[in-house]
Amino acid sequence: MNYYLIDTSAIVHYYIPSPSSKLTQNIGKLITEKQKNQSFLFIPNFCIAETYNTFAKYHFRTGGLEKLEYDQIREKFTDHVRRGKLLYQFELNRWHIMNVDYISPIEHQYSLKHKNNKGEMVDWFLSTFDILFLAMGIELVKIVGVDNLKLITCDERIFKIGQSLQMLGKNKKEEYGIPRTIIYPEVMSLWDIKT
């Protein structure tokens, strides 16, 4: 069985079709796997809140969703997370919070820039929620196994940091006080899922 921990940046493409049909098709593939009982979809509880907020942004701020469409999408998403019907709510706990310490040293040494609203190149950092998403993956690996778990995101920074964490050698782990027992999960970009 495949297990996926899905980030807000990925799951929203199932509810609000992306201008790039590839993203909508790729998240649809994961949903279809789940519906065929071939996979299990986890979503962090804070990503549920982020998803609702994203829907509201599309409706109220950008006008990308009409009132009826907004209400229907919210109801569909609510139905999917209720009792884990489609997306199983993964609760944030103290172990996830403690795992942040195994990500932050790497995050703050990896330089990545992006353009801000003014077109200026600025440093780009993970939010605390982004770091917690990765930290939850560390704990989930202990439950389902490293070969069975993939973290799914559309966030380039999460993807890049996830790759960097997986490449950490024994010496780097020692340097940052990261126990050898810590196993980092594979992070996949929704762009790279094969349909």
C-alpha atoms as a PDB file:
ATOM      1  CA  MET A   1       0.000   0.000   0.000  1.00  0.00           C
ATOM      2  CA  ASN A   2       1.195   3.526  -0.801  1.00  0.00           C
ATOM      3  CA  TYR A   3       0.861   6.214   1.853  1.00  0.00           C
ATOM      4  CA  TYR A   4       0.851   9.898   0.981  1.00  0.00           C
ATOM      5  CA  LEU A   5       1.029  12.955   3.210  1.00  0.00           C
ATOM      6  CA  ILE A   6      -0.465  15.743   1.120  1.00  0.00           C
ATOM      7  CA  ASP A   7       0.285  19.449   1.444  1.00  0.00           C
ATOM      8  CA  THR A   8      -2.259  22.220   0.851  1.00  0.00           C
ATOM      9  CA  SER A   9      -0.390  23.358  -2.259  1.00  0.00           C
ATOM     10  CA  ALA A  10      -1.132  19.968  -3.850  1.00  0.00           C
ATOM     11  CA  ILE A  11      -4.638  19.092  -2.631  1.00  0.00           C
ATOM     12  CA  VAL A  12      -6.217  22.379  -3.749  1.00  0.00           C
ATOM     13  CA  HIS A  13      -5.721  21.313  -7.375  1.00  0.00           C
ATOM     14  CA  TYR A  14      -8.277  18.554  -6.868  1.00  0.00           C
ATOM     15  CA  TYR A  15     -10.964  21.035  -5.787  1.00  0.00           C
ATOM     16  CA  ILE A  16      -9.991  24.042  -7.888  1.00  0.00           C
ATOM     17  CA  PRO A  17      -8.804  22.862 -11.303  1.00  0.00           C
ATOM     18  CA  SER A  18      -5.378  24.221 -12.081  1.00  0.00           C
ATOM     19  CA  PRO A  19      -4.633  26.320 -15.168  1.00  0.00           C
ATOM     20  CA  SER A  20      -2.166  23.480 -15.795  1.00  0.00           C
ATOM     21  CA  SER A  21      -4.322  20.400 -16.271  1.00  0.00           C
ATOM     22  CA  LYS A  22      -1.237  18.291 -15.412  1.00  0.00           C
ATOM     23  CA  LEU A  23      -1.514  19.210 -11.712  1.00  0.00           C
ATOM     24  CA  THR A  24      -5.239  18.431 -11.638  1.00  0.00           C
ATOM     25  CA  GLN A  25      -4.639  15.116 -13.432  1.00  0.00           C
ATOM     26  CA  ASN A  26      -1.799  14.172 -11.084  1.00  0.00           C
ATOM     27  CA  ILE A  27      -3.718  14.810  -7.868  1.00  0.00           C
ATOM     28  CA  GLY A  28      -6.665  13.014  -9.472  1.00  0.00           C
ATOM     29  CA  LYS A  29      -4.418   9.955  -9.930  1.00  0.00           C
ATOM     30  CA  LEU A  30      -3.707   9.849  -6.189  1.00  0.00           C
ATOM     31  CA  ILE A  31      -7.410  10.261  -5.394  1.00  0.00           C
ATOM     32  CA  THR A  32      -8.268   7.411  -7.792  1.00  0.00           C
ATOM     33  CA  GLU A  33      -5.633   5.202  -6.102  1.00  0.00           C
ATOM     34  CA  LYS A  34      -7.294   5.893  -2.761  1.00  0.00           C
ATOM     35  CA  GLN A  35     -10.760   5.153  -4.125  1.00  0.00           C
ATOM     36  CA  LYS A  36      -9.453   1.786  -5.389  1.00  0.00           C
ATOM     37  CA  ASN A  37      -7.994   1.071  -1.902  1.00  0.00           C
ATOM     38  CA  GLN A  38      -4.464   1.099  -3.331  1.00  0.00           C
ATOM     39  CA  SER A  39      -3.285   3.982  -1.181  1.00  0.00           C
ATOM     40  CA  PHE A  40      -3.994   5.960   1.956  1.00  0.00           C
ATOM     41  CA  LEU A  41      -4.090   9.778   1.940  1.00  0.00           C
ATOM     42  CA  PHE A  42      -3.067  11.707   5.055  1.00  0.00           C
ATOM     43  CA  ILE A  43      -3.517  15.460   5.356  1.00  0.00           C
ATOM     44  CA  PRO A  44      -2.085  17.432   8.302  1.00  0.00           C
ATOM     45  CA  ASN A  45      -4.840  19.057  10.342  1.00  0.00           C
ATOM     46  CA  PHE A  46      -3.312  22.515   9.826  1.00  0.00           C
ATOM     47  CA  CYS A  47      -3.387  21.902   6.050  1.00  0.00           C
ATOM     48  CA  ILE A  48      -7.143  21.465   6.360  1.00  0.00           C
ATOM     49  CA  ALA A  49      -7.330  24.988   7.790  1.00  0.00           C
ATOM     50  CA  GLU A  50      -4.954  26.245   5.067  1.00  0.00           C
ATOM     51  CA  THR A  51      -7.122  24.634   2.383  1.00  0.00           C
ATOM     52  CA  TYR A  52     -10.271  26.329   3.648  1.00  0.00           C
ATOM     53  CA  ASN A  53      -8.344  29.613   3.717  1.00  0.00           C
ATOM     54  CA  THR A  54      -7.174  29.044   0.117  1.00  0.00           C
ATOM     55  CA  PHE A  55     -10.765  28.490  -1.030  1.00  0.00           C
ATOM     56  CA  ALA A  56     -11.769  31.745   0.686  1.00  0.00           C
ATOM     57  CA  LYS A  57      -8.884  33.593  -0.973  1.00  0.00           C
ATOM     58  CA  TYR A  58     -10.014  32.407  -4.409  1.00  0.00           C
ATOM     59  CA  HIS A  59     -13.586  33.500  -3.688  1.00  0.00           C
ATOM     60  CA  PHE A  60     -13.217  36.747  -1.746  1.00  0.00           C
ATOM     61  CA  ARG A  61      -9.838  38.105  -2.831  1.00  0.00           C
ATOM     62  CA  THR A  62      -9.288  37.050  -6.426  1.00  0.00           C
ATOM     63  CA  GLY A  63     -12.863  36.453  -7.539  1.00  0.00           C
ATOM     64  CA  GLY A  64     -11.785  33.135  -9.029  1.00  0.00           C
ATOM     65  CA  LEU A  65     -14.733  31.296  -7.478  1.00  0.00           C
ATOM     66  CA  GLU A  66     -18.369  32.326  -7.653  1.00  0.00           C
ATOM     67  CA  LYS A  67     -20.448  31.996  -4.448  1.00  0.00           C
ATOM     68  CA  LEU A  68     -22.176  28.759  -5.498  1.00  0.00           C
ATOM     69  CA  GLU A  69     -18.902  27.194  -6.658  1.00  0.00           C
ATOM     70  CA  TYR A  70     -17.164  28.276  -3.432  1.00  0.00           C
ATOM     71  CA  ASP A  71     -19.921  26.731  -1.287  1.00  0.00           C
ATOM     72  CA  GLN A  72     -19.878  23.482  -3.296  1.00  0.00           C
ATOM     73  CA  ILE A  73     -16.087  23.126  -3.073  1.00  0.00           C
ATOM     74  CA  ARG A  74     -16.109  23.752   0.690  1.00  0.00           C
ATOM     75  CA  GLU A  75     -18.889  21.195   1.193  1.00  0.00           C
ATOM     76  CA  LYS A  76     -17.100  18.592  -0.950  1.00  0.00           C
ATOM     77  CA  PHE A  77     -13.809  19.093   0.919  1.00  0.00           C
ATOM     78  CA  THR A  78     -15.586  18.940   4.296  1.00  0.00           C
ATOM     79  CA  ASP A  79     -17.238  15.677   3.263  1.00  0.00           C
ATOM     80  CA  HIS A  80     -13.856  14.262   2.199  1.00  0.00           C
ATOM     81  CA  VAL A  81     -12.127  15.007   5.524  1.00  0.00           C
ATOM     82  CA  ARG A  82     -15.090  14.074   7.730  1.00  0.00           C
ATOM     83  CA  ARG A  83     -14.261  10.728   9.369  1.00  0.00           C
ATOM     84  CA  GLY A  84     -11.408  10.252   6.905  1.00  0.00           C
ATOM     85  CA  LYS A  85     -13.749   9.472   4.027  1.00  0.00           C
ATOM     86  CA  LEU A  86     -11.093  10.419   1.451  1.00  0.00           C
ATOM     87  CA  LEU A  87      -8.422  12.375   3.329  1.00  0.00           C
ATOM     88  CA  TYR A  88      -7.388  11.164   6.769  1.00  0.00           C
ATOM     89  CA  GLN A  89      -6.683  14.038   9.152  1.00  0.00           C
ATOM     90  CA  PHE A  90      -3.216  13.612  10.679  1.00  0.00           C
ATOM     91  CA  GLU A  91      -3.088  15.431  14.008  1.00  0.00           C
ATOM     92  CA  LEU A  92      -0.115  17.595  14.922  1.00  0.00           C
ATOM     93  CA  ASN A  93       1.535  16.270  18.081  1.00  0.00           C
ATOM     94  CA  ARG A  94       4.538  16.966  20.280  1.00  0.00           C
ATOM     95  CA  TRP A  95       6.811  14.556  18.365  1.00  0.00           C
ATOM     96  CA  HIS A  96       6.207  16.492  15.166  1.00  0.00           C
ATOM     97  CA  ILE A  97       7.096  19.705  16.964  1.00  0.00           C
ATOM     98  CA  MET A  98      10.306  18.158  18.321  1.00  0.00           C
ATOM     99  CA  ASN A  99      11.216  16.946  14.803  1.00  0.00           C
ATOM    100  CA  VAL A 100      11.369  20.587  13.662  1.00  0.00           C
ATOM    101  CA  ASP A 101      14.836  20.679  15.190  1.00  0.00           C
ATOM    102  CA  TYR A 102      15.947  18.068  12.624  1.00  0.00           C
ATOM    103  CA  ILE A 103      14.888  20.274   9.697  1.00  0.00           C
ATOM    104  CA  SER A 104      15.594  23.879  10.693  1.00  0.00           C
ATOM    105  CA  PRO A 105      19.419  23.690  10.595  1.00  0.00           C
ATOM    106  CA  ILE A 106      19.270  22.557   6.969  1.00  0.00           C
ATOM    107  CA  GLU A 107      16.470  24.935   5.965  1.00  0.00           C
ATOM    108  CA  HIS A 108      18.404  27.986   7.137  1.00  0.00           C
ATOM    109  CA  GLN A 109      21.534  27.088   5.200  1.00  0.00           C
ATOM    110  CA  TYR A 110      19.910  26.420   1.849  1.00  0.00           C
ATOM    111  CA  SER A 111      19.712  29.578  -0.229  1.00  0.00           C
ATOM    112  CA  LEU A 112      16.801  29.894  -2.621  1.00  0.00           C
ATOM    113  CA  LYS A 113      15.456  33.116  -4.052  1.00  0.00           C
ATOM    114  CA  HIS A 114      12.217  34.067  -5.784  1.00  0.00           C
ATOM    115  CA  LYS A 115      10.589  37.190  -7.149  1.00  0.00           C
ATOM    116  CA  ASN A 116       8.348  39.155  -4.823  1.00  0.00           C
ATOM    117  CA  ASN A 117       5.312  41.224  -5.906  1.00  0.00           C
ATOM    118  CA  LYS A 118       7.628  44.033  -7.012  1.00  0.00           C
ATOM    119  CA  GLY A 119       9.708  41.701  -9.211  1.00  0.00           C
ATOM    120  CA  GLU A 120      12.707  41.879  -6.857  1.00  0.00           C
ATOM    121  CA  MET A 121      14.702  38.755  -6.055  1.00  0.00           C
ATOM    122  CA  VAL A 122      14.381  38.021  -2.331  1.00  0.00           C
ATOM    123  CA  ASP A 123      15.332  35.172   0.011  1.00  0.00           C
ATOM    124  CA  TRP A 124      12.717  32.458   0.229  1.00  0.00           C
ATOM    125  CA  PHE A 125      12.199  30.576   3.483  1.00  0.00           C
ATOM    126  CA  LEU A 126       9.847  27.832   4.588  1.00  0.00           C
ATOM    127  CA  SER A 127       7.017  28.841   6.878  1.00  0.00           C
ATOM    128  CA  THR A 128       6.686  27.104  10.216  1.00  0.00           C
ATOM    129  CA  PHE A 129       3.764  25.107   8.771  1.00  0.00           C
ATOM    130  CA  ASP A 130       5.986  23.984   5.871  1.00  0.00           C
ATOM    131  CA  ILE A 131       8.606  22.770   8.334  1.00  0.00           C
ATOM    132  CA  LEU A 132       5.927  21.006  10.400  1.00  0.00           C
ATOM    133  CA  PHE A 133       4.698  19.269   7.237  1.00  0.00           C
ATOM    134  CA  LEU A 134       8.189  17.788   6.763  1.00  0.00           C
ATOM    135  CA  ALA A 135       8.445  17.032  10.497  1.00  0.00           C
ATOM    136  CA  MET A 136       5.200  15.052  10.385  1.00  0.00           C
ATOM    137  CA  GLY A 137       6.729  12.968   7.602  1.00  0.00           C
ATOM    138  CA  ILE A 138       9.641  11.993   9.855  1.00  0.00           C
ATOM    139  CA  GLU A 139       7.192  10.549  12.371  1.00  0.00           C
ATOM    140  CA  LEU A 140       4.973   8.926   9.744  1.00  0.00           C
ATOM    141  CA  VAL A 141       8.010   7.051   8.340  1.00  0.00           C
ATOM    142  CA  LYS A 142       8.250   5.267  11.706  1.00  0.00           C
ATOM    143  CA  ILE A 143       4.643   4.088  11.329  1.00  0.00           C
ATOM    144  CA  VAL A 144       4.371   3.093   7.654  1.00  0.00           C
ATOM    145  CA  GLY A 145       8.014   2.649   6.599  1.00  0.00           C
ATOM    146  CA  VAL A 146      10.246   4.833   4.455  1.00  0.00           C
ATOM    147  CA  ASP A 147       9.598   2.881   1.246  1.00  0.00           C
ATOM    148  CA  ASN A 148       5.822   3.237   1.600  1.00  0.00           C
ATOM    149  CA  LEU A 149       5.565   6.980   2.255  1.00  0.00           C
ATOM    150  CA  LYS A 150       5.737   9.977  -0.063  1.00  0.00           C
ATOM    151  CA  LEU A 151       5.113  13.598   0.892  1.00  0.00           C
ATOM    152  CA  ILE A 152       3.310  15.391  -1.946  1.00  0.00           C
ATOM    153  CA  THR A 153       3.661  19.138  -2.514  1.00  0.00           C
ATOM    154  CA  CYS A 154       3.602  21.804  -5.215  1.00  0.00           C
ATOM    155  CA  ASP A 155       5.833  24.049  -3.121  1.00  0.00           C
ATOM    156  CA  GLU A 156       9.282  24.189  -4.716  1.00  0.00           C
ATOM    157  CA  ARG A 157      11.012  25.138  -1.453  1.00  0.00           C
ATOM    158  CA  ILE A 158       9.483  22.200   0.473  1.00  0.00           C
ATOM    159  CA  PHE A 159      10.518  19.913  -2.385  1.00  0.00           C
ATOM    160  CA  LYS A 160      14.114  21.216  -2.473  1.00  0.00           C
ATOM    161  CA  ILE A 161      14.573  21.079   1.312  1.00  0.00           C
ATOM    162  CA  GLY A 162      13.039  17.581   1.372  1.00  0.00           C
ATOM    163  CA  GLN A 163      15.590  16.434  -1.210  1.00  0.00           C
ATOM    164  CA  SER A 164      18.435  18.022   0.785  1.00  0.00           C
ATOM    165  CA  LEU A 165      17.313  16.259   3.960  1.00  0.00           C
ATOM    166  CA  GLN A 166      17.292  12.887   2.230  1.00  0.00           C
ATOM    167  CA  MET A 167      20.886  13.401   1.051  1.00  0.00           C
ATOM    168  CA  LEU A 168      22.240  14.186   4.529  1.00  0.00           C
ATOM    169  CA  GLY A 169      25.101  11.884   5.363  1.00  0.00           C
ATOM    170  CA  LYS A 170      26.112  10.532   8.761  1.00  0.00           C
ATOM    171  CA  ASN A 171      28.706  13.287   9.287  1.00  0.00           C
ATOM    172  CA  LYS A 172      26.265  16.120   8.564  1.00  0.00           C
ATOM    173  CA  LYS A 173      23.688  14.556  10.879  1.00  0.00           C
ATOM    174  CA  GLU A 174      26.309  14.399  13.637  1.00  0.00           C
ATOM    175  CA  GLU A 175      27.348  18.006  12.982  1.00  0.00           C
ATOM    176  CA  TYR A 176      23.767  19.212  13.505  1.00  0.00           C
ATOM    177  CA  GLY A 177      22.962  16.882  16.393  1.00  0.00           C
ATOM    178  CA  ILE A 178      20.502  14.836  14.361  1.00  0.00           C
ATOM    179  CA  PRO A 179      20.245  11.260  15.638  1.00  0.00           C
ATOM    180  CA  ARG A 180      21.222   8.542  13.166  1.00  0.00           C
ATOM    181  CA  THR A 181      17.806   6.990  13.748  1.00  0.00           C
ATOM    182  CA  ILE A 182      16.062   9.928  12.041  1.00  0.00           C
ATOM    183  CA  ILE A 183      14.891   8.899   8.577  1.00  0.00           C
ATOM    184  CA  TYR A 184      13.671  11.582   6.219  1.00  0.00           C
ATOM    185  CA  PRO A 185      10.740  10.745   3.926  1.00  0.00           C
ATOM    186  CA  GLU A 186      10.785  11.133   0.176  1.00  0.00           C
ATOM    187  CA  VAL A 187       9.225  14.411  -0.941  1.00  0.00           C
ATOM    188  CA  MET A 188       7.679  14.484  -4.409  1.00  0.00           C
ATOM    189  CA  SER A 189       6.497  17.393  -6.453  1.00  0.00           C
ATOM    190  CA  LEU A 190       2.942  16.991  -7.746  1.00  0.00           C
ATOM    191  CA  TRP A 191       4.422  17.955 -11.133  1.00  0.00           C
ATOM    192  CA  ASP A 192       6.461  14.726 -11.162  1.00  0.00           C
ATOM    193  CA  ILE A 193       3.692  12.191 -10.504  1.00  0.00           C
ATOM    194  CA  LYS A 194       3.280   9.854 -13.448  1.00  0.00           C
ATOM    195  CA  THR A 195      -0.254   9.722 -14.844  1.00  0.00           C
END
